[in-house]
Each structure stands twice: as C-alpha cells, then as structure tokens.
C-alpha atoms as a PDB file:
ATOM      1  CA  MET A   1      18.563   1.112  -7.405  1.00  0.00           C
ATOM      2  CA  PHE A   2      18.291  -1.976  -9.621  1.00  0.00           C
ATOM      3  CA  LEU A   3      15.836  -4.783  -8.867  1.00  0.00           C
ATOM      4  CA  LYS A   4      16.733  -8.438  -9.469  1.00  0.00           C
ATOM      5  CA  LYS A   5      14.486 -10.567 -11.636  1.00  0.00           C
ATOM      6  CA  LYS A   6      11.718 -11.958  -9.452  1.00  0.00           C
ATOM      7  CA  LYS A   7      11.806 -15.636  -8.594  1.00  0.00           C
ATOM      8  CA  ILE A   8       8.864 -17.823  -9.588  1.00  0.00           C
ATOM      9  CA  GLU A   9       8.072 -18.358  -5.884  1.00  0.00           C
ATOM     10  CA  ASP A  10       7.779 -14.592  -5.315  1.00  0.00           C
ATOM     11  CA  ILE A  11       5.523 -14.101  -8.337  1.00  0.00           C
ATOM     12  CA  ILE A  12       3.229 -16.915  -7.177  1.00  0.00           C
ATOM     13  CA  ILE A  13       2.875 -15.348  -3.714  1.00  0.00           C
ATOM     14  CA  ASP A  14       2.273 -11.904  -5.258  1.00  0.00           C
ATOM     15  CA  ILE A  15      -0.529 -13.251  -7.460  1.00  0.00           C
ATOM     16  CA  LEU A  16      -2.126 -15.377  -4.729  1.00  0.00           C
ATOM     17  CA  SER A  17      -2.062 -12.454  -2.277  1.00  0.00           C
ATOM     18  CA  SER A  18      -5.117 -11.199  -4.198  1.00  0.00           C
ATOM     19  CA  GLY A  19      -6.996 -14.465  -3.612  1.00  0.00           C
ATOM     20  CA  PRO A  20      -7.202 -18.095  -4.848  1.00  0.00           C
ATOM     21  CA  GLU A  21      -6.419 -18.715  -8.504  1.00  0.00           C
ATOM     22  CA  ASN A  22      -7.048 -21.426 -11.078  1.00  0.00           C
ATOM     23  CA  THR A  23      -3.802 -23.340 -11.650  1.00  0.00           C
ATOM     24  CA  LEU A  24      -3.736 -22.902 -15.431  1.00  0.00           C
ATOM     25  CA  ILE A  25      -4.561 -19.190 -15.186  1.00  0.00           C
ATOM     26  CA  LEU A  26      -1.837 -18.805 -12.543  1.00  0.00           C
ATOM     27  CA  ILE A  27       0.701 -20.411 -14.884  1.00  0.00           C
ATOM     28  CA  GLU A  28      -0.291 -18.106 -17.746  1.00  0.00           C
ATOM     29  CA  LYS A  29       0.037 -15.046 -15.496  1.00  0.00           C
ATOM     30  CA  ILE A  30       3.515 -16.163 -14.426  1.00  0.00           C
ATOM     31  CA  ARG A  31       4.558 -16.740 -18.046  1.00  0.00           C
ATOM     32  CA  GLY A  32       3.224 -13.295 -18.874  1.00  0.00           C
ATOM     33  CA  ILE A  33       5.726 -11.870 -16.397  1.00  0.00           C
ATOM     34  CA  ARG A  34       8.585 -14.349 -17.009  1.00  0.00           C
ATOM     35  CA  HIS A  35       8.279 -15.127 -20.706  1.00  0.00           C
ATOM     36  CA  THR A  36      10.932 -17.878 -20.748  1.00  0.00           C
ATOM     37  CA  THR A  37       9.454 -19.835 -17.832  1.00  0.00           C
ATOM     38  CA  THR A  38       8.042 -23.255 -18.755  1.00  0.00           C
ATOM     39  CA  LYS A  39       4.936 -24.924 -17.348  1.00  0.00           C
ATOM     40  CA  GLN A  40       7.141 -27.687 -15.959  1.00  0.00           C
ATOM     41  CA  ALA A  41       9.199 -25.150 -14.003  1.00  0.00           C
ATOM     42  CA  VAL A  42       6.065 -23.624 -12.482  1.00  0.00           C
ATOM     43  CA  TYR A  43       4.662 -27.031 -11.512  1.00  0.00           C
ATOM     44  CA  LYS A  44       7.970 -27.899  -9.824  1.00  0.00           C
ATOM     45  CA  VAL A  45       7.881 -24.694  -7.763  1.00  0.00           C
ATOM     46  CA  LEU A  46       4.214 -25.271  -6.879  1.00  0.00           C
ATOM     47  CA  ARG A  47       5.058 -28.754  -5.582  1.00  0.00           C
ATOM     48  CA  GLY A  48       7.831 -27.306  -3.433  1.00  0.00           C
ATOM     49  CA  LEU A  49       5.569 -24.606  -2.004  1.00  0.00           C
ATOM     50  CA  ARG A  50       2.871 -27.191  -1.323  1.00  0.00           C
ATOM     51  CA  ASP A  51       5.317 -29.539   0.437  1.00  0.00           C
ATOM     52  CA  ASN A  52       6.457 -26.634   2.633  1.00  0.00           C
ATOM     53  CA  GLU A  53       2.829 -25.736   3.464  1.00  0.00           C
ATOM     54  CA  VAL A  54       3.110 -22.325   1.831  1.00  0.00           C
ATOM     55  CA  ILE A  55       0.216 -23.037  -0.551  1.00  0.00           C
ATOM     56  CA  VAL A  56      -2.781 -25.334  -0.663  1.00  0.00           C
ATOM     57  CA  GLN A  57      -4.064 -26.944  -3.868  1.00  0.00           C
ATOM     58  CA  ARG A  58      -7.701 -27.981  -4.101  1.00  0.00           C
ATOM     59  CA  ARG A  59      -8.595 -29.638  -7.385  1.00  0.00           C
ATOM     60  CA  GLU A  60      -7.799 -26.948  -9.984  1.00  0.00           C
ATOM     61  CA  GLU A  61      -7.432 -24.086  -7.482  1.00  0.00           C
ATOM     62  CA  VAL A  62      -4.345 -22.770  -5.681  1.00  0.00           C
ATOM     63  CA  MET A  63      -4.345 -20.564  -2.582  1.00  0.00           C
ATOM     64  CA  ILE A  64      -1.982 -19.383   0.152  1.00  0.00           C
ATOM     65  CA  SER A  65      -1.997 -21.634   3.226  1.00  0.00           C
ATOM     66  CA  ASN A  66      -3.531 -20.153   6.377  1.00  0.00           C
ATOM     67  CA  VAL A  67      -0.879 -22.022   8.373  1.00  0.00           C
ATOM     68  CA  TRP A  68       1.884 -20.204   6.515  1.00  0.00           C
ATOM     69  CA  LEU A  69       0.078 -16.867   6.840  1.00  0.00           C
ATOM     70  CA  GLY A  70      -0.148 -17.427  10.591  1.00  0.00           C
ATOM     71  CA  LYS A  71       3.584 -18.099  10.815  1.00  0.00           C
ATOM     72  CA  ILE A  72       4.369 -14.983   8.797  1.00  0.00           C
ATOM     73  CA  SER A  73       1.990 -12.900  10.917  1.00  0.00           C
ATOM     74  CA  ASP A  74       3.686 -14.046  14.140  1.00  0.00           C
ATOM     75  CA  PHE A  75       7.124 -13.346  12.666  1.00  0.00           C
ATOM     76  CA  ILE A  76       6.147  -9.850  11.527  1.00  0.00           C
ATOM     77  CA  GLU A  77       4.564  -8.985  14.873  1.00  0.00           C
ATOM     78  CA  THR A  78       7.619 -10.138  16.839  1.00  0.00           C
ATOM     79  CA  THR A  79      10.078  -8.436  14.497  1.00  0.00           C
ATOM     80  CA  GLN A  80       8.050  -5.218  14.455  1.00  0.00           C
ATOM     81  CA  MET A  81       8.107  -5.045  18.248  1.00  0.00           C
ATOM     82  CA  HIS A  82      11.878  -5.565  18.281  1.00  0.00           C
ATOM     83  CA  TYR A  83      12.434  -2.816  15.716  1.00  0.00           C
ATOM     84  CA  LEU A  84      10.031  -0.418  17.405  1.00  0.00           C
ATOM     85  CA  SER A  85      11.683  -0.951  20.783  1.00  0.00           C
ATOM     86  CA  SER A  86      15.095  -0.441  19.231  1.00  0.00           C
ATOM     87  CA  ALA A  87      13.980   2.684  17.375  1.00  0.00           C
ATOM     88  CA  GLN A  88      12.436   4.249  20.454  1.00  0.00           C
ATOM     89  CA  LEU A  89      15.562   3.684  22.547  1.00  0.00           C
ATOM     90  CA  SER A  90      18.274   4.368  20.004  1.00  0.00           C
ATOM     91  CA  HIS A  91      20.076   7.609  19.228  1.00  0.00           C
ATOM     92  CA  GLN A  92      20.838   6.972  15.577  1.00  0.00           C
ATOM     93  CA  ARG A  93      20.929   9.632  12.884  1.00  0.00           C
ATOM     94  CA  PRO A  94      17.451  10.748  11.724  1.00  0.00           C
ATOM     95  CA  ASP A  95      17.984   9.335   8.244  1.00  0.00           C
ATOM     96  CA  SER A  96      18.180   5.806   9.665  1.00  0.00           C
ATOM     97  CA  ASN A  97      15.475   6.278  12.306  1.00  0.00           C
ATOM     98  CA  PHE A  98      12.636   8.635  11.400  1.00  0.00           C
ATOM     99  CA  LEU A  99      11.010   8.182  14.814  1.00  0.00           C
ATOM    100  CA  SER A 100      13.882  10.193  16.284  1.00  0.00           C
ATOM    101  CA  LEU A 101      12.986  13.263  14.212  1.00  0.00           C
ATOM    102  CA  LYS A 102      12.672  16.433  16.245  1.00  0.00           C
ATOM    103  CA  GLU A 103      10.110  19.177  15.617  1.00  0.00           C
ATOM    104  CA  LYS A 104      10.504  20.663  12.096  1.00  0.00           C
ATOM    105  CA  GLU A 105      13.066  18.053  11.040  1.00  0.00           C
ATOM    106  CA  LYS A 106      12.511  15.930   7.929  1.00  0.00           C
ATOM    107  CA  ILE A 107      14.078  13.147   5.885  1.00  0.00           C
ATOM    108  CA  SER A 108      13.850  12.806   2.101  1.00  0.00           C
ATOM    109  CA  TYR A 109      14.093   9.583   0.074  1.00  0.00           C
ATOM    110  CA  THR A 110      14.038   8.945  -3.677  1.00  0.00           C
ATOM    111  CA  PHE A 111      13.148   5.694  -5.447  1.00  0.00           C
ATOM    112  CA  LYS A 112      13.308   4.594  -9.085  1.00  0.00           C
ATOM    113  CA  THR A 113      10.187   2.416  -9.034  1.00  0.00           C
ATOM    114  CA  PHE A 114       6.836   2.629  -7.331  1.00  0.00           C
ATOM    115  CA  GLU A 115       7.358  -0.910  -6.021  1.00  0.00           C
ATOM    116  CA  THR A 116      10.372   0.150  -3.939  1.00  0.00           C
ATOM    117  CA  THR A 117       8.604   3.365  -2.925  1.00  0.00           C
ATOM    118  CA  ASP A 118       5.594   1.373  -1.766  1.00  0.00           C
ATOM    119  CA  ILE A 119       7.657  -1.094   0.271  1.00  0.00           C
ATOM    120  CA  PHE A 120       9.257   1.685   2.317  1.00  0.00           C
ATOM    121  CA  TRP A 121       6.033   3.711   2.407  1.00  0.00           C
ATOM    122  CA  ALA A 122       4.114   0.764   3.888  1.00  0.00           C
ATOM    123  CA  HIS A 123       6.938   0.168   6.375  1.00  0.00           C
ATOM    124  CA  ALA A 124       6.847   3.791   7.559  1.00  0.00           C
ATOM    125  CA  PHE A 125       3.031   3.911   7.547  1.00  0.00           C
ATOM    126  CA  ASN A 126       2.712   0.837   9.763  1.00  0.00           C
ATOM    127  CA  ILE A 127       5.296   2.076  12.259  1.00  0.00           C
ATOM    128  CA  LEU A 128       3.790   5.565  12.511  1.00  0.00           C
ATOM    129  CA  THR A 129       0.293   4.111  12.853  1.00  0.00           C
ATOM    130  CA  THR A 130       1.485   1.881  15.692  1.00  0.00           C
ATOM    131  CA  VAL A 131       3.177   4.665  17.670  1.00  0.00           C
ATOM    132  CA  SER A 132       0.508   7.314  17.019  1.00  0.00           C
ATOM    133  CA  SER A 133      -2.176   8.065  19.591  1.00  0.00           C
ATOM    134  CA  SER A 134      -5.909   7.543  19.139  1.00  0.00           C
ATOM    135  CA  LEU A 135      -6.541  11.259  19.670  1.00  0.00           C
ATOM    136  CA  PHE A 136      -6.849  11.971  15.933  1.00  0.00           C
ATOM    137  CA  PRO A 137      -7.764   9.663  13.044  1.00  0.00           C
ATOM    138  CA  VAL A 138      -4.944   8.953  10.602  1.00  0.00           C
ATOM    139  CA  GLY A 139      -5.575  11.200   7.593  1.00  0.00           C
ATOM    140  CA  LEU A 140      -4.778  10.189   4.010  1.00  0.00           C
ATOM    141  CA  TYR A 141      -5.122  12.232   0.844  1.00  0.00           C
ATOM    142  CA  ASN A 142      -4.686  10.436  -2.490  1.00  0.00           C
ATOM    143  CA  PRO A 143      -5.448  11.947  -5.913  1.00  0.00           C
ATOM    144  CA  HIS A 144      -7.254   8.613  -6.427  1.00  0.00           C
ATOM    145  CA  GLU A 145      -7.633   5.738  -3.949  1.00  0.00           C
ATOM    146  CA  TRP A 146      -6.258   3.233  -6.463  1.00  0.00           C
ATOM    147  CA  PHE A 147      -4.358   1.198  -3.867  1.00  0.00           C
ATOM    148  CA  ILE A 148      -7.512  -0.603  -2.775  1.00  0.00           C
ATOM    149  CA  LEU A 149      -8.269  -1.486  -6.407  1.00  0.00           C
ATOM    150  CA  THR A 150      -4.884  -3.093  -7.027  1.00  0.00           C
ATOM    151  CA  ARG A 151      -4.510  -4.863  -3.658  1.00  0.00           C
ATOM    152  CA  PRO A 152      -7.802  -4.827  -1.707  1.00  0.00           C
ATOM    153  CA  GLU A 153      -6.841  -7.621   0.696  1.00  0.00           C
ATOM    154  CA  SER A 154      -3.646  -5.860   1.811  1.00  0.00           C
ATOM    155  CA  GLU A 155      -5.364  -2.495   2.273  1.00  0.00           C
ATOM    156  CA  LEU A 156      -8.295  -3.943   4.217  1.00  0.00           C
ATOM    157  CA  PHE A 157      -5.876  -5.957   6.371  1.00  0.00           C
ATOM    158  CA  ILE A 158      -4.182  -2.690   7.400  1.00  0.00           C
ATOM    159  CA  PHE A 159      -7.531  -1.016   8.115  1.00  0.00           C
ATOM    160  CA  ASP A 160      -8.736  -3.989  10.176  1.00  0.00           C
ATOM    161  CA  ASN A 161      -5.535  -3.977  12.241  1.00  0.00           C
ATOM    162  CA  MET A 162      -6.025  -0.277  12.934  1.00  0.00           C
ATOM    163  CA  LYS A 163      -9.538  -1.026  14.160  1.00  0.00           C
ATOM    164  CA  LYS A 164      -8.157  -3.666  16.544  1.00  0.00           C
ATOM    165  CA  GLU A 165      -5.858  -0.981  17.971  1.00  0.00           C
ATOM    166  CA  ASN A 166      -8.857   1.357  18.361  1.00  0.00           C
ATOM    167  CA  LYS A 167      -7.525   3.669  15.659  1.00  0.00           C
ATOM    168  CA  SER A 168      -9.418   5.019  12.685  1.00  0.00           C
ATOM    169  CA  ILE A 169      -8.552   6.287   9.235  1.00  0.00           C
ATOM    170  CA  MET A 170     -10.097   8.898   6.945  1.00  0.00           C
ATOM    171  CA  ILE A 171      -9.264   8.999   3.252  1.00  0.00           C
ATOM    172  CA  LEU A 172      -9.850  11.888   0.886  1.00  0.00           C
ATOM    173  CA  ALA A 173      -9.709  11.129  -2.840  1.00  0.00           C
ATOM    174  CA  GLY A 174      -9.101  14.046  -5.179  1.00  0.00           C
ATOM    175  CA  GLY A 175     -11.649  13.059  -7.799  1.00  0.00           C
ATOM    176  CA  THR A 176     -15.246  12.048  -8.465  1.00  0.00           C
ATOM    177  CA  THR A 177     -14.866   9.725 -11.454  1.00  0.00           C
ATOM    178  CA  PRO A 178     -16.880   6.472 -11.539  1.00  0.00           C
ATOM    179  CA  LEU A 179     -13.918   4.583 -10.051  1.00  0.00           C
ATOM    180  CA  ASP A 180     -13.505   7.160  -7.270  1.00  0.00           C
ATOM    181  CA  ILE A 181     -17.150   6.523  -6.379  1.00  0.00           C
ATOM    182  CA  PHE A 182     -16.831   2.750  -6.864  1.00  0.00           C
ATOM    183  CA  VAL A 183     -14.354   2.260  -3.985  1.00  0.00           C
ATOM    184  CA  LYS A 184     -16.820   3.657  -1.427  1.00  0.00           C
ATOM    185  CA  LYS A 185     -18.081   0.106  -0.954  1.00  0.00           C
ATOM    186  CA  TYR A 186     -14.852  -0.814   0.861  1.00  0.00           C
ATOM    187  CA  PHE A 187     -15.389   1.781   3.595  1.00  0.00           C
ATOM    188  CA  ASP A 188     -17.805   2.514   6.440  1.00  0.00           C
ATOM    189  CA  ALA A 189     -18.866   5.469   8.583  1.00  0.00           C
ATOM    190  CA  THR A 190     -16.791   4.630  11.666  1.00  0.00           C
ATOM    191  CA  HIS A 191     -13.238   3.268  11.571  1.00  0.00           C
ATOM    192  CA  LYS A 192     -12.458   3.575   7.866  1.00  0.00           C
ATOM    193  CA  ARG A 193     -14.118   6.592   6.290  1.00  0.00           C
ATOM    194  CA  TYR A 194     -13.827   7.756   2.689  1.00  0.00           C
ATOM    195  CA  PHE A 195     -14.885  10.796   0.687  1.00  0.00           C
ATOM    196  CA  ALA A 196     -14.513  11.402  -3.051  1.00  0.00           C
ATOM    197  CA  CYS A 197     -13.866  15.128  -3.117  1.00  0.00           C
ATOM    198  CA  PRO A 198     -14.967  17.388  -5.997  1.00  0.00           C
ATOM    199  CA  ASP A 199     -12.729  20.231  -4.770  1.00  0.00           C
ATOM    200  CA  LYS A 200      -9.114  20.817  -5.784  1.00  0.00           C
ATOM    201  CA  LEU A 201      -7.313  20.401  -2.467  1.00  0.00           C
ATOM    202  CA  PHE A 202      -3.671  20.379  -3.605  1.00  0.00           C
ATOM    203  CA  PRO A 203      -2.091  21.872  -6.744  1.00  0.00           C
ATOM    204  CA  LYS A 204      -0.148  18.792  -7.907  1.00  0.00           C
ATOM    205  CA  ARG A 205      -1.864  15.621  -9.103  1.00  0.00           C
ATOM    206  CA  ASN A 206       1.096  13.442  -8.122  1.00  0.00           C
ATOM    207  CA  TYR A 207       0.975  14.487  -4.445  1.00  0.00           C
ATOM    208  CA  TYR A 208      -0.045  12.101  -1.638  1.00  0.00           C
ATOM    209  CA  VAL A 209      -0.011  12.886   2.084  1.00  0.00           C
ATOM    210  CA  ASN A 210      -0.532  10.911   5.318  1.00  0.00           C
ATOM    211  CA  VAL A 211      -0.907  12.587   8.731  1.00  0.00           C
ATOM    212  CA  PHE A 212      -0.252  10.844  12.080  1.00  0.00           C
ATOM    213  CA  ASP A 213      -0.353  13.133  15.139  1.00  0.00           C
ATOM    214  CA  ASP A 214       2.550  15.494  14.336  1.00  0.00           C
ATOM    215  CA  PHE A 215       4.294  13.153  11.853  1.00  0.00           C
ATOM    216  CA  ILE A 216       3.668  13.545   8.116  1.00  0.00           C
ATOM    217  CA  ILE A 217       4.471  11.326   5.131  1.00  0.00           C
ATOM    218  CA  GLU A 218       4.433  13.148   1.787  1.00  0.00           C
ATOM    219  CA  VAL A 219       4.917  11.342  -1.516  1.00  0.00           C
ATOM    220  CA  TRP A 220       5.372  12.726  -5.012  1.00  0.00           C
ATOM    221  CA  LEU A 221       4.957   9.952  -7.571  1.00  0.00           C
ATOM    222  CA  ASP A 222       6.543  10.196 -10.996  1.00  0.00           C
ATOM    223  CA  HIS A 223       4.712  12.811 -13.107  1.00  0.00           C
ATOM    224  CA  LYS A 224       4.264  10.603 -16.173  1.00  0.00           C
ATOM    225  CA  ILE A 225       2.957   7.667 -14.143  1.00  0.00           C
ATOM    226  CA  SER A 226       0.584  10.003 -12.296  1.00  0.00           C
ATOM    227  CA  GLU A 227      -0.722  11.350 -15.606  1.00  0.00           C
ATOM    228  CA  ARG A 228      -1.364   7.787 -16.788  1.00  0.00           C
ATOM    229  CA  ILE A 229      -3.246   7.012 -13.558  1.00  0.00           C
ATOM    230  CA  ASP A 230      -5.370  10.145 -14.054  1.00  0.00           C
ATOM    231  CA  ASN A 231      -6.065   9.174 -17.655  1.00  0.00           C
ATOM    232  CA  PHE A 232      -7.028   5.647 -16.567  1.00  0.00           C
ATOM    233  CA  TYR A 233      -9.531   7.067 -14.080  1.00  0.00           C
ATOM    234  CA  ASN A 234     -10.930   9.559 -16.577  1.00  0.00           C
ATOM    235  CA  THR A 235     -11.517   6.908 -19.248  1.00  0.00           C
ATOM    236  CA  THR A 236     -12.606   3.878 -17.179  1.00  0.00           C
ATOM    237  CA  THR A 237     -16.206   3.483 -16.051  1.00  0.00           C
ATOM    238  CA  THR A 238     -16.227  -0.124 -14.802  1.00  0.00           C
ATOM    239  CA  PHE A 239     -13.663  -2.215 -12.941  1.00  0.00           C
ATOM    240  CA  ASN A 240     -12.779  -5.878 -13.442  1.00  0.00           C
ATOM    241  CA  ASP A 241      -9.700  -8.127 -13.574  1.00  0.00           C
ATOM    242  CA  ILE A 242      -8.692  -6.803 -16.996  1.00  0.00           C
ATOM    243  CA  GLU A 243      -8.837  -3.194 -15.801  1.00  0.00           C
ATOM    244  CA  ARG A 244      -6.955  -4.163 -12.650  1.00  0.00           C
ATOM    245  CA  GLU A 245      -4.086  -5.553 -14.729  1.00  0.00           C
ATOM    246  CA  LYS A 246      -4.014  -2.338 -16.779  1.00  0.00           C
ATOM    247  CA  LEU A 247      -3.743  -0.286 -13.591  1.00  0.00           C
ATOM    248  CA  LEU A 248      -1.047  -2.577 -12.199  1.00  0.00           C
ATOM    249  CA  ASP A 249       0.955  -2.231 -15.420  1.00  0.00           C
ATOM    250  CA  ILE A 250       0.860   1.550 -15.033  1.00  0.00           C
ATOM    251  CA  THR A 251       2.133   1.455 -11.453  1.00  0.00           C
ATOM    252  CA  ARG A 252       4.911  -1.038 -12.292  1.00  0.00           C
ATOM    253  CA  ALA A 253       6.606   1.442 -14.634  1.00  0.00           C
ATOM    254  CA  LYS A 254       9.921   3.002 -13.649  1.00  0.00           C
ATOM    255  CA  GLY A 255      10.111   6.663 -12.738  1.00  0.00           C
ATOM    256  CA  ARG A 256      11.374   9.137 -10.168  1.00  0.00           C
ATOM    257  CA  ASN A 257       9.451   8.997  -6.889  1.00  0.00           C
ATOM    258  CA  LYS A 258      10.107  11.094  -3.798  1.00  0.00           C
ATOM    259  CA  LEU A 259       9.046  10.394  -0.205  1.00  0.00           C
ATOM    260  CA  VAL A 260       9.493  12.809   2.704  1.00  0.00           C
ATOM    261  CA  ILE A 261       8.863  12.090   6.387  1.00  0.00           C
ATOM    262  CA  SER A 262       8.659  15.127   8.652  1.00  0.00           C
ATOM    263  CA  ARG A 263       7.678  16.062  12.168  1.00  0.00           C
ATOM    264  CA  ASN A 264       5.836  19.367  12.176  1.00  0.00           C
ATOM    265  CA  LYS A 265       2.915  19.992  14.528  1.00  0.00           C
ATOM    266  CA  ALA A 266       1.784  23.244  12.897  1.00  0.00           C
ATOM    267  CA  LYS A 267       1.759  21.684   9.417  1.00  0.00           C
ATOM    268  CA  ALA A 268      -0.015  18.556  10.683  1.00  0.00           C
ATOM    269  CA  ASP A 269      -2.690  20.694  12.362  1.00  0.00           C
ATOM    270  CA  LYS A 270      -3.118  22.685   9.136  1.00  0.00           C
ATOM    271  CA  LEU A 271      -3.556  19.484   7.127  1.00  0.00           C
ATOM    272  CA  ARG A 272      -6.100  18.171   9.628  1.00  0.00           C
ATOM    273  CA  LYS A 273      -8.158  21.317   9.027  1.00  0.00           C
ATOM    274  CA  VAL A 274      -8.461  20.213   5.384  1.00  0.00           C
ATOM    275  CA  PHE A 275      -9.887  16.875   6.528  1.00  0.00           C
ATOM    276  CA  LYS A 276     -12.257  18.585   8.991  1.00  0.00           C
ATOM    277  CA  LYS A 277     -14.090  20.133   6.041  1.00  0.00           C
ATOM    278  CA  TYR A 278     -15.243  16.647   5.040  1.00  0.00           C
ATOM    279  CA  PHE A 279     -15.086  14.526   8.221  1.00  0.00           C
ATOM    280  CA  VAL A 280     -16.230  14.981  11.808  1.00  0.00           C
ATOM    281  CA  PHE A 281     -13.571  14.194  14.440  1.00  0.00           C
END
C-alpha cells in the first residue's frame, strides 16, 4: 500500500486539528513536511480555505471554522447511519463486513504504516462502539496511552461522544513512567477511566486490545516502532510541543502492522476479567 504525497490543504487541516496556530509557525511546519513548498503557495491555499469557510484567520492566528466542522459532523453522522444500516442488513463476506462475523470467526488485516492502520482502526472502533450495548464498559489496553498525547482533541471527542450515548470506557496502560502518569489528567472516575498499571499484563509490548461486548480488536504494531515508543517513554520526563513532534515522528515511520477483529464471547469475558482487577463494573 503506497500513500500519495499529502496536499497542502490536508496538512493544514491535520495541523489545525490540534488547535489554533500562528500563521508563520503553521507555514514552517508545512515546509518541514513538504520541503519544496513556498510561502506563497501556502498563503494561496490558506486564502482558498478561508474563502470556502474551512478556516478562520484572526490577526496572526489560524483555526478550523466551526461552521465547517458542523458540516463535516452532520455528513459523518448521516453517512455512518447509512453504512451501519447497510452492514446490519447485508450478507456480505466477513472480510468486507466485520459486523457479520459469527462466534469464533475473525478477520485479519495488515498495513504498511501506522497512519493507514489508525484510519481503519478508528473506523472499526467507532462502529463497534455504536453497536455495542451499555452492559459493559468498552475496555482498552495500550502498552502506553500515547494516542491522547499526539491527538488529544480527537481522543476526547470520541470519549465525549461515548458519554452522550451513555457508554463508558476504561483504559489500562502497561507502564508507570512519568508520561503514563501524566495522561491521568485527561480522565475521570466515571465515563472515561484510566489506570497506569505496574503489572505485566501481556507478554508483547507491541500488543493493543479493545473489547466491545463479544467483539475484540487486537493490534500488533511494528516491533521496531514499538521499541522506539517504549524508549521515548522511558527517557522522557516532561511533555511539550517538541516532545509531541518527536513522538509523532516515531509513529509516522513505516513498518508492518497487523489488526485482527474477532467475535469470541469466551475470550472477551476472559479479557474483561483482566480489567476487573483494576476497575469496578
């Protein structure tokens, strides 16, 4: 799977998804990604995005327009409902519709970058969260909860939507480094709970697992990238924009990533027992 070079528009939206940015700093970040891009080219794209109400410019600051975000939100909600309805009624092969998996069936996917892994992972996560009941909290185990450090707005948006649907999430992190402790501030004791675990819960440090009722998402990130993430956590004591860029650079690297979606009640119940050692539900 080969990715095309990102357009300037896409890079701008990616950067601004983390919050407003100074125009000159935004340009330098874009040129750091697309080395041959000129300032004039960036200004031209910014004017186009502004004219189409995608961004808002206030003095020296640029931000994503709330009007555009509202349009995108409505589009996603409508499209999601169409796809969910189609998936629930269709009789396609399991590899094209994981909601049709029967007990003890599974589908395996491989990706060459974390970016492509994450796109599909988020897609599957959102669908399974939507169709899951409120009987059990959604359980996540990550060797480190680095997702909320690299894209806090996106992660908190997902958690807030779950709360609106009266669903909760519990996250176990497999470490107690300063950064593992640092992310506690993003969580609470009700709908989005978090615990930095000192115990070794799973043998592999590149293993991630999500549990929704009897559906399970398991992800094995590239070994070398996972080792670099571990090293970053073991050597970093404070977190700021510079450290965030370092972490993002690590996760942008190419490597072999595997994602498996399965439906297995016994395995899901067994995994929930792991979470019950640290959470009450």
